[in-house]
Amino acid sequence: MARLTRGKGEGSIAFDQAKRLWVGRIELPAHDFDEHGVPKRRRRIIRRKDKSEVMREMQKLRKQLEDRGDLPTASQTTGTWLSYWLREIAPRERRPKTMVSYRSVMATHIIPVIGRVRLDKLTPADVRKVTARMASAGASSTSQRNAFSILSAALRTAEREGRIPRNPCDLMDAPRKAVAKLDVLTVDEARRLLNTLSGTLEGALWATYILTGARRGEVLGFRWDSIQFDGQPRIELSWQLQRLGWAHGCGEKPEKSDRWPCGFIRGHACHSRWLDVPADYEYEHLSNGMYLTRPKSKAGWRVIPLVEPLYSYLAWVKANTSSNEWGLVFTDADGGPIDPDKASKAWPLALKAAGINKPGVRLHDARHTAVDLLYAAKVPEDVIMRIVGHSTRAMSRSYASGVDDARDRDAMRSVSSVLGFGVLES
């Protein structure tokens, strides 16, 4: 065993005769306890050939300990911390659908690249390896920027808890987002789609997206008690339909296995599963993994006028469909909630049936079409914000794909039949 000799008055500095190194030790706050409730000892150890170097390093670390309340140790890898953050911290602060994205990005792009790097040794160069690997694999600039943001958020918590001296993401610029050309439906194409599917439940569904600018889950979460046909017809948007996932509660997943301690891959099969939602998250269970949840922002909770032709579309649905136990306006062939992902897959098929060859137009882009229509009809921006649920005017402007004079004239001539602008204006 190495024999340590301690200089007089030097406290935690000693000389290791066996390794011929000066060793400094700083006691740190305990993170864990043994089976008897006794705090497990944590120390930060510095080894140098020169005693003065140890003293300078310890002086710097003592200052960090005083400022932050803790110091990182060499025992934790970046992958260990990121897994802990995903399991114990992020779900308390983020929405469930956000966590699905976080876990996928971490498992696919981040942990495989830098998971084995010591957390306290992580550098901007390591972070760049993540985005560089994504770029070489063909990931978009948006995906790279998203991965950077997720990693930065996890490391920001590590910095706040004193596990790293500084977040390396703060020492570099985020990846730049490439300028993308937005492909949306024109006024004529939107009209063609609605005319092609007129008198069908599917047609009413797509019309609701185009004429309200509502998000995917908001339309699928429409309930009859949120729609007022008499007096001043209107729609209250206060819920959205989402699929929520179950999280494993059986312990940590082994690094080299795709199965958890319970023996299953997916959380819904775990015997200790739990619904992965924040404590203040409001939701209502419908069927299987389908839930109604509240909008993610105050701006998302809104009331919009019910005007023609949407009034007639929804009245047709009410008269030609059976009631369901949840009071949903739109249901699948079996009378259950429509899976949001299935709705997204059905959208391009509907466009094709209407003779619209625009495979790049997503269901979410119907929201852009709605904003285009509102701008073309010269609707004031504050009204547009209220209708589509944007929190800022800049966000509404970013959704506009660019309206030219020809579209202005065409939209103004057809606005009464397509959007009901006269009602909105009154």
Protein backbone atom coordinates (compact mmCIF):
# COMPACT_ATOMS: atom_id res chain seq x y z
CA MET A 1 0.00 0.00 0.00
CA ALA A 2 1.26 3.42 -0.84
CA ARG A 3 2.53 5.37 2.15
CA LEU A 4 1.30 8.94 2.27
CA THR A 5 3.24 11.66 4.05
CA ARG A 6 1.43 14.87 4.85
CA GLY A 7 3.19 18.23 5.07
CA LYS A 8 2.58 20.24 8.20
CA GLY A 9 -0.48 22.48 7.96
CA GLU A 10 -1.28 21.28 4.45
CA GLY A 11 -4.42 19.39 5.46
CA SER A 12 -5.65 17.42 2.43
CA ILE A 13 -2.40 17.46 0.46
CA ALA A 14 -0.12 14.43 0.76
CA PHE A 15 2.71 12.74 -1.13
CA ASP A 16 2.24 9.24 -2.55
CA GLN A 17 5.64 7.59 -2.17
CA ALA A 18 4.73 4.62 -4.37
CA LYS A 19 3.58 6.69 -7.37
CA ARG A 20 5.85 9.64 -6.64
CA LEU A 21 2.94 12.06 -6.99
CA TRP A 22 1.45 14.80 -4.86
CA VAL A 23 -2.21 14.04 -4.09
CA GLY A 24 -4.89 16.55 -3.14
CA ARG A 25 -8.31 15.54 -1.78
CA ILE A 26 -11.42 17.70 -1.44
CA GLU A 27 -14.43 16.35 0.44
CA LEU A 28 -17.71 16.75 -1.45
CA PRO A 29 -21.38 16.56 -0.44
CA ALA A 30 -22.81 13.03 -0.43
CA HIS A 31 -25.22 11.99 -3.22
CA ASP A 32 -26.08 8.50 -1.98
CA PHE A 33 -26.47 6.56 1.27
CA ASP A 34 -25.63 2.99 2.23
CA GLU A 35 -28.12 0.47 3.59
CA HIS A 36 -27.71 1.92 7.10
CA GLY A 37 -28.52 5.46 5.99
CA VAL A 38 -24.89 6.59 6.29
CA PRO A 39 -23.80 9.07 3.57
CA LYS A 40 -21.36 7.59 1.07
CA ARG A 41 -18.10 9.46 0.96
CA ARG A 42 -17.36 11.55 -2.13
CA ARG A 43 -14.00 13.19 -2.82
CA ARG A 44 -12.39 15.06 -5.68
CA ILE A 45 -8.80 13.86 -6.07
CA ILE A 46 -6.01 15.74 -7.87
CA ARG A 47 -2.65 14.15 -8.69
CA ARG A 48 0.36 16.10 -9.93
CA LYS A 49 4.12 15.76 -9.92
CA ASP A 50 4.54 19.29 -8.68
CA LYS A 51 3.12 20.19 -5.29
CA SER A 52 2.50 23.81 -6.28
CA GLU A 53 0.31 22.64 -9.18
CA VAL A 54 -1.83 20.62 -6.77
CA MET A 55 -2.20 23.64 -4.50
CA ARG A 56 -3.24 25.92 -7.38
CA GLU A 57 -5.75 23.37 -8.69
CA MET A 58 -7.22 22.83 -5.23
CA GLN A 59 -7.57 26.56 -4.69
CA LYS A 60 -9.52 26.80 -7.95
CA LEU A 61 -11.70 23.81 -7.09
CA ARG A 62 -12.44 25.10 -3.58
CA LYS A 63 -13.69 28.33 -5.16
CA GLN A 64 -15.94 26.35 -7.53
CA LEU A 65 -17.21 24.28 -4.60
CA GLU A 66 -18.05 27.44 -2.69
CA ASP A 67 -19.83 28.97 -5.67
CA ARG A 68 -21.70 25.88 -6.89
CA GLY A 69 -22.11 23.80 -3.76
CA ASP A 70 -20.66 20.69 -5.44
CA LEU A 71 -17.99 19.45 -7.86
CA PRO A 72 -18.11 16.74 -10.50
CA THR A 73 -16.19 13.53 -9.89
CA ALA A 74 -14.54 11.27 -12.43
CA SER A 75 -16.93 8.39 -11.81
CA GLN A 76 -19.74 9.41 -14.18
CA THR A 77 -19.84 9.15 -17.95
CA THR A 78 -21.88 11.45 -20.16
CA GLY A 79 -24.15 8.54 -21.11
CA THR A 80 -24.87 7.78 -17.44
CA TRP A 81 -25.82 11.38 -16.76
CA LEU A 82 -27.97 11.72 -19.90
CA SER A 83 -29.85 8.52 -19.04
CA TYR A 84 -30.44 9.79 -15.51
CA TRP A 85 -31.61 13.17 -16.83
CA LEU A 86 -34.05 11.51 -19.24
CA ARG A 87 -35.44 9.27 -16.51
CA GLU A 88 -35.55 11.48 -13.43
CA ILE A 89 -35.43 15.16 -14.41
CA ALA A 90 -36.74 15.95 -17.90
CA PRO A 91 -40.13 14.16 -17.53
CA ARG A 92 -40.98 16.50 -14.63
CA GLU A 93 -40.43 19.55 -16.83
CA ARG A 94 -41.38 18.48 -20.38
CA ARG A 95 -44.57 17.29 -22.02
CA PRO A 96 -44.92 13.55 -22.82
CA LYS A 97 -44.72 13.95 -26.62
CA THR A 98 -41.59 16.05 -26.16
CA MET A 99 -40.04 13.26 -24.08
CA VAL A 100 -40.67 10.74 -26.86
CA SER A 101 -38.58 12.93 -29.17
CA TYR A 102 -35.90 13.47 -26.51
CA ARG A 103 -35.44 9.75 -25.89
CA SER A 104 -35.26 8.97 -29.60
CA VAL A 105 -32.64 11.65 -30.29
CA MET A 106 -30.56 10.66 -27.27
CA ALA A 107 -30.60 6.95 -28.12
CA THR A 108 -29.99 7.43 -31.85
CA HIS A 109 -27.63 10.37 -32.17
CA ILE A 110 -26.10 11.49 -28.87
CA ILE A 111 -25.34 8.67 -26.44
CA PRO A 112 -23.78 6.34 -29.08
CA VAL A 113 -21.30 9.11 -30.01
CA ILE A 114 -20.31 10.70 -26.68
CA GLY A 115 -21.86 8.41 -24.07
CA ARG A 116 -18.49 6.97 -22.99
CA VAL A 117 -16.82 10.36 -22.55
CA ARG A 118 -16.34 11.42 -18.94
CA LEU A 119 -18.94 14.02 -18.13
CA ASP A 120 -16.46 16.45 -16.60
CA LYS A 121 -14.16 16.10 -19.63
CA LEU A 122 -16.81 16.85 -22.26
CA THR A 123 -15.73 19.61 -24.68
CA PRO A 124 -17.27 21.58 -27.57
CA ALA A 125 -15.30 19.30 -29.90
CA ASP A 126 -17.23 16.32 -28.52
CA VAL A 127 -20.52 18.12 -29.09
CA ARG A 128 -19.51 18.84 -32.69
CA LYS A 129 -18.93 15.12 -33.20
CA VAL A 130 -22.65 14.57 -32.56
CA THR A 131 -23.84 17.03 -35.19
CA ALA A 132 -21.09 16.01 -37.63
CA ARG A 133 -22.15 12.37 -37.37
CA MET A 134 -25.77 13.38 -37.94
CA ALA A 135 -24.81 15.45 -40.99
CA SER A 136 -22.84 12.56 -42.51
CA ALA A 137 -25.87 10.30 -41.98
CA GLY A 138 -28.07 12.72 -43.91
CA ALA A 139 -29.93 14.29 -40.95
CA SER A 140 -31.44 17.69 -41.68
CA SER A 141 -30.11 20.90 -40.20
CA THR A 142 -33.31 21.11 -38.14
CA SER A 143 -32.62 17.67 -36.63
CA GLN A 144 -29.03 18.67 -35.85
CA ARG A 145 -30.17 21.86 -34.16
CA ASN A 146 -32.78 19.93 -32.20
CA ALA A 147 -30.19 17.42 -30.96
CA PHE A 148 -27.90 20.28 -29.92
CA SER A 149 -30.74 21.92 -27.95
CA ILE A 150 -31.63 18.69 -26.15
CA LEU A 151 -28.00 18.01 -25.22
CA SER A 152 -27.56 21.60 -24.08
CA ALA A 153 -30.62 21.35 -21.82
CA ALA A 154 -29.31 18.17 -20.18
CA LEU A 155 -25.84 19.67 -19.66
CA ARG A 156 -27.34 22.90 -18.31
CA THR A 157 -28.88 20.86 -15.50
CA ALA A 158 -25.54 19.10 -14.92
CA GLU A 159 -23.83 22.48 -14.63
CA ARG A 160 -26.50 23.78 -12.25
CA GLU A 161 -26.02 20.74 -10.02
CA GLY A 162 -22.24 21.16 -10.01
CA ARG A 163 -21.52 18.00 -11.98
CA ILE A 164 -19.58 19.90 -14.66
CA PRO A 165 -17.75 23.22 -14.32
CA ARG A 166 -19.44 24.67 -17.42
CA ASN A 167 -21.85 23.62 -20.16
CA PRO A 168 -19.70 23.06 -23.30
CA CYS A 169 -22.71 23.93 -25.50
CA ASP A 170 -22.53 27.48 -24.14
CA LEU A 171 -19.01 27.80 -25.53
CA MET A 172 -20.09 27.28 -29.15
CA ASP A 173 -22.75 28.32 -31.63
CA ALA A 174 -25.76 26.12 -32.30
CA PRO A 175 -25.93 24.52 -35.77
CA ARG A 176 -27.48 26.86 -38.31
CA LYS A 177 -30.89 25.98 -39.64
CA ALA A 178 -31.01 25.79 -43.42
CA VAL A 179 -33.61 27.85 -45.25
CA ALA A 180 -36.33 25.46 -46.41
CA LYS A 181 -38.84 26.11 -49.18
CA LEU A 182 -42.30 25.55 -47.77
CA ASP A 183 -44.75 23.61 -49.93
CA VAL A 184 -48.41 24.27 -49.11
CA LEU A 185 -51.79 23.98 -50.77
CA THR A 186 -52.93 26.96 -52.81
CA VAL A 187 -56.44 28.35 -52.50
CA ASP A 188 -57.50 26.49 -55.66
CA GLU A 189 -55.99 23.21 -54.45
CA ALA A 190 -57.68 23.51 -51.06
CA ARG A 191 -61.00 24.14 -52.81
CA ARG A 192 -60.43 21.15 -55.12
CA LEU A 193 -59.70 18.86 -52.19
CA LEU A 194 -62.87 19.89 -50.37
CA ASN A 195 -65.04 19.59 -53.48
CA THR A 196 -63.66 16.13 -54.27
CA LEU A 197 -64.46 14.77 -50.81
CA SER A 198 -67.66 16.72 -50.27
CA GLY A 199 -70.38 14.75 -48.49
CA THR A 200 -67.95 12.39 -46.71
CA LEU A 201 -66.67 12.15 -43.17
CA GLU A 202 -63.11 12.34 -44.45
CA GLY A 203 -63.92 15.48 -46.42
CA ALA A 204 -65.35 17.13 -43.31
CA LEU A 205 -62.18 16.20 -41.40
CA TRP A 206 -59.83 17.79 -43.95
CA ALA A 207 -62.11 20.83 -44.31
CA THR A 208 -61.89 21.39 -40.57
CA TYR A 209 -58.10 21.48 -40.74
CA ILE A 210 -58.03 23.91 -43.67
CA LEU A 211 -60.77 26.23 -42.42
CA THR A 212 -59.66 26.49 -38.78
CA GLY A 213 -55.87 26.23 -38.92
CA ALA A 214 -56.11 23.94 -35.90
CA ARG A 215 -53.33 21.50 -35.07
CA ARG A 216 -53.58 17.79 -35.81
CA GLY A 217 -54.52 16.68 -32.31
CA GLU A 218 -56.86 19.64 -31.76
CA VAL A 219 -59.14 18.62 -34.63
CA LEU A 220 -59.08 14.94 -33.65
CA GLY A 221 -59.96 15.99 -30.09
CA PHE A 222 -63.05 18.00 -31.11
CA ARG A 223 -66.06 17.09 -28.97
CA TRP A 224 -69.65 18.02 -29.64
CA ASP A 225 -69.96 19.84 -26.35
CA SER A 226 -67.22 22.25 -27.51
CA ILE A 227 -69.19 23.24 -30.62
CA GLN A 228 -72.04 25.74 -30.42
CA PHE A 229 -74.37 25.79 -33.46
CA ASP A 230 -77.03 28.22 -32.15
CA GLY A 231 -76.82 31.91 -31.28
CA GLN A 232 -73.25 32.86 -32.13
CA PRO A 233 -71.86 29.64 -33.62
CA ARG A 234 -68.35 28.92 -32.39
CA ILE A 235 -65.80 26.23 -31.56
CA GLU A 236 -63.87 26.08 -28.32
CA LEU A 237 -60.39 24.61 -28.71
CA SER A 238 -59.36 23.44 -25.27
CA TRP A 239 -58.23 19.81 -25.74
CA GLN A 240 -56.07 17.85 -28.16
CA LEU A 241 -55.90 14.13 -28.85
CA GLN A 242 -52.51 12.52 -28.27
CA ARG A 243 -51.01 9.11 -27.74
CA LEU A 244 -49.15 9.01 -24.42
CA GLY A 245 -46.51 6.43 -23.62
CA TRP A 246 -45.78 4.36 -20.54
CA ALA A 247 -42.33 4.48 -18.97
CA HIS A 248 -40.44 1.58 -17.41
CA GLY A 249 -40.40 1.55 -13.62
CA CYS A 250 -38.31 -1.59 -13.21
CA GLY A 251 -34.86 0.03 -12.98
CA GLU A 252 -32.17 1.05 -15.46
CA LYS A 253 -31.77 -0.59 -18.86
CA PRO A 254 -28.40 -2.35 -19.31
CA GLU A 255 -26.15 -0.50 -21.78
CA LYS A 256 -25.70 -3.42 -24.17
CA SER A 257 -29.29 -4.65 -24.18
CA ASP A 258 -32.50 -3.44 -25.77
CA ARG A 259 -34.53 -5.01 -22.94
CA TRP A 260 -35.15 -3.63 -19.48
CA PRO A 261 -34.88 -5.58 -16.19
CA CYS A 262 -38.54 -6.60 -16.55
CA GLY A 263 -37.62 -8.46 -19.75
CA PHE A 264 -39.63 -6.26 -22.10
CA ILE A 265 -38.61 -3.59 -24.60
CA ARG A 266 -41.60 -1.26 -24.44
CA GLY A 267 -42.81 0.44 -21.30
CA HIS A 268 -46.48 -0.53 -21.63
CA ALA A 269 -45.54 -4.19 -20.96
CA CYS A 270 -43.52 -3.42 -17.80
CA HIS A 271 -45.04 -4.70 -14.55
CA SER A 272 -43.95 -1.47 -12.82
CA ARG A 273 -44.95 0.88 -15.63
CA TRP A 274 -46.04 4.45 -14.98
CA LEU A 275 -47.57 7.15 -17.16
CA ASP A 276 -44.75 9.48 -18.10
CA VAL A 277 -46.37 12.89 -17.47
CA PRO A 278 -45.48 15.93 -15.31
CA ALA A 279 -47.42 16.38 -12.06
CA ASP A 280 -49.28 19.44 -13.38
CA TYR A 281 -50.20 17.82 -16.70
CA GLU A 282 -53.96 17.73 -17.27
CA TYR A 283 -55.26 14.78 -19.27
CA GLU A 284 -58.28 12.52 -19.78
CA HIS A 285 -57.95 8.88 -20.83
CA LEU A 286 -60.12 7.76 -23.73
CA SER A 287 -59.07 4.36 -25.05
CA ASN A 288 -55.88 2.30 -25.02
CA GLY A 289 -53.02 4.79 -25.34
CA MET A 290 -55.19 7.67 -26.54
CA TYR A 291 -55.66 10.68 -24.25
CA LEU A 292 -57.14 14.15 -24.39
CA THR A 293 -54.59 16.68 -23.13
CA ARG A 294 -54.58 20.41 -22.68
CA PRO A 295 -52.82 22.67 -25.24
CA LYS A 296 -49.16 23.39 -24.53
CA SER A 297 -49.69 27.15 -24.17
CA LYS A 298 -52.35 29.64 -23.10
CA ALA A 299 -52.61 30.83 -26.70
CA GLY A 300 -53.60 27.29 -27.69
CA TRP A 301 -56.76 27.47 -25.56
CA ARG A 302 -59.04 29.58 -27.73
CA VAL A 303 -62.51 30.12 -29.22
CA ILE A 304 -63.00 30.64 -32.97
CA PRO A 305 -66.14 31.56 -34.93
CA LEU A 306 -67.98 28.72 -36.69
CA VAL A 307 -68.70 30.05 -40.19
CA GLU A 308 -69.72 28.68 -43.54
CA PRO A 309 -68.86 26.34 -45.08
CA LEU A 310 -67.44 24.70 -41.93
CA TYR A 311 -70.80 25.11 -40.18
CA SER A 312 -72.45 22.93 -42.85
CA TYR A 313 -69.63 20.39 -42.82
CA LEU A 314 -69.91 19.82 -39.06
CA ALA A 315 -73.72 19.83 -39.16
CA TRP A 316 -73.52 17.10 -41.82
CA VAL A 317 -71.20 15.04 -39.59
CA LYS A 318 -73.59 15.37 -36.64
CA ALA A 319 -76.54 14.23 -38.75
CA ASN A 320 -74.78 11.30 -40.43
CA THR A 321 -72.65 9.68 -37.73
CA SER A 322 -73.45 7.69 -34.61
CA SER A 323 -72.70 9.01 -31.15
CA ASN A 324 -69.74 7.63 -29.20
CA GLU A 325 -68.99 7.35 -25.50
CA TRP A 326 -66.47 10.21 -25.57
CA GLY A 327 -68.58 12.67 -27.55
CA LEU A 328 -65.89 12.96 -30.25
CA VAL A 329 -66.78 14.63 -33.53
CA PHE A 330 -64.42 12.51 -35.62
CA THR A 331 -63.88 8.79 -35.07
CA ASP A 332 -62.34 5.91 -36.99
CA ALA A 333 -64.23 3.12 -38.78
CA ASP A 334 -64.70 1.28 -35.47
CA GLY A 335 -66.09 4.32 -33.68
CA GLY A 336 -62.93 4.92 -31.64
CA PRO A 337 -60.52 7.87 -31.44
CA ILE A 338 -58.51 8.43 -34.62
CA ASP A 339 -54.82 7.73 -34.08
CA PRO A 340 -52.97 10.99 -34.99
CA ASP A 341 -50.32 9.08 -36.91
CA LYS A 342 -52.97 7.33 -39.02
CA ALA A 343 -54.51 10.71 -39.83
CA SER A 344 -51.12 11.94 -41.06
CA LYS A 345 -50.77 8.87 -43.30
CA ALA A 346 -54.29 9.29 -44.72
CA TRP A 347 -53.70 12.94 -45.67
CA PRO A 348 -51.39 12.39 -48.72
CA LEU A 349 -53.80 9.73 -50.00
CA ALA A 350 -56.60 12.30 -49.88
CA LEU A 351 -54.47 14.78 -51.82
CA LYS A 352 -53.71 12.15 -54.45
CA ALA A 353 -57.41 11.31 -54.77
CA ALA A 354 -58.10 14.98 -55.47
CA GLY A 355 -55.44 15.05 -58.19
CA ILE A 356 -53.03 17.14 -56.14
CA ASN A 357 -49.44 16.03 -56.74
CA LYS A 358 -47.70 17.54 -53.74
CA PRO A 359 -46.18 14.71 -51.69
CA GLY A 360 -44.20 17.21 -49.58
CA VAL A 361 -47.33 18.80 -48.10
CA ARG A 362 -47.87 17.38 -44.61
CA LEU A 363 -51.11 17.45 -42.64
CA HIS A 364 -49.57 20.11 -40.40
CA ASP A 365 -49.09 22.25 -43.52
CA ALA A 366 -52.87 22.66 -43.79
CA ARG A 367 -52.28 25.06 -40.93
CA HIS A 368 -50.00 27.11 -43.19
CA THR A 369 -52.71 27.14 -45.85
CA ALA A 370 -55.20 28.48 -43.32
CA VAL A 371 -52.79 31.29 -42.38
CA ASP A 372 -52.23 32.08 -46.07
CA LEU A 373 -55.99 32.37 -46.56
CA LEU A 374 -56.33 34.70 -43.61
CA TYR A 375 -53.51 36.93 -44.81
CA ALA A 376 -54.88 36.91 -48.36
CA ALA A 377 -58.24 38.03 -47.02
CA LYS A 378 -56.53 40.95 -45.24
CA VAL A 379 -57.49 39.68 -41.79
CA PRO A 380 -55.68 41.71 -39.07
CA GLU A 381 -52.73 39.91 -37.50
CA ASP A 382 -54.15 39.98 -33.99
CA VAL A 383 -57.21 38.12 -35.30
CA ILE A 384 -55.00 35.58 -37.12
CA MET A 385 -53.09 34.98 -33.88
CA ARG A 386 -56.31 34.26 -31.99
CA ILE A 387 -57.73 31.96 -34.65
CA VAL A 388 -54.67 29.72 -35.11
CA GLY A 389 -53.42 29.93 -31.53
CA HIS A 390 -50.08 31.69 -32.06
CA SER A 391 -48.48 33.45 -29.13
CA THR A 392 -46.59 36.02 -31.24
CA ARG A 393 -47.15 37.84 -34.50
CA ALA A 394 -43.75 36.70 -35.73
CA MET A 395 -44.93 33.11 -35.44
CA SER A 396 -48.00 33.85 -37.56
CA ARG A 397 -45.83 35.57 -40.18
CA SER A 398 -43.49 32.58 -40.29
CA TYR A 399 -46.46 30.37 -41.16
CA ALA A 400 -47.37 32.50 -44.16
CA SER A 401 -45.77 31.04 -47.30
CA GLY A 402 -46.00 34.32 -49.21
CA VAL A 403 -49.19 35.65 -50.77
CA ASP A 404 -48.99 37.44 -54.13
CA ASP A 405 -51.49 39.84 -55.72
CA ALA A 406 -53.15 37.14 -57.82
CA ARG A 407 -53.83 35.02 -54.78
CA ASP A 408 -55.04 38.14 -52.96
CA ARG A 409 -57.66 38.81 -55.62
CA ASP A 410 -58.69 35.17 -55.88
CA ALA A 411 -58.98 34.83 -52.11
CA MET A 412 -61.00 38.01 -51.79
CA ARG A 413 -63.49 36.83 -54.43
CA SER A 414 -63.93 33.42 -52.81
CA VAL A 415 -63.51 34.38 -49.15
CA SER A 416 -67.24 34.32 -48.33
CA SER A 417 -67.61 30.70 -49.50
CA VAL A 418 -64.21 29.38 -48.44
CA LEU A 419 -63.44 31.12 -45.14
CA GLY A 420 -66.43 33.23 -44.08
CA PHE A 421 -64.37 36.41 -43.69
CA GLY A 422 -67.44 38.58 -43.33
CA VAL A 423 -68.34 36.85 -40.07
CA LEU A 424 -64.82 37.15 -38.72
CA GLU A 425 -64.76 40.84 -39.50
CA SER A 426 -67.98 41.69 -37.68
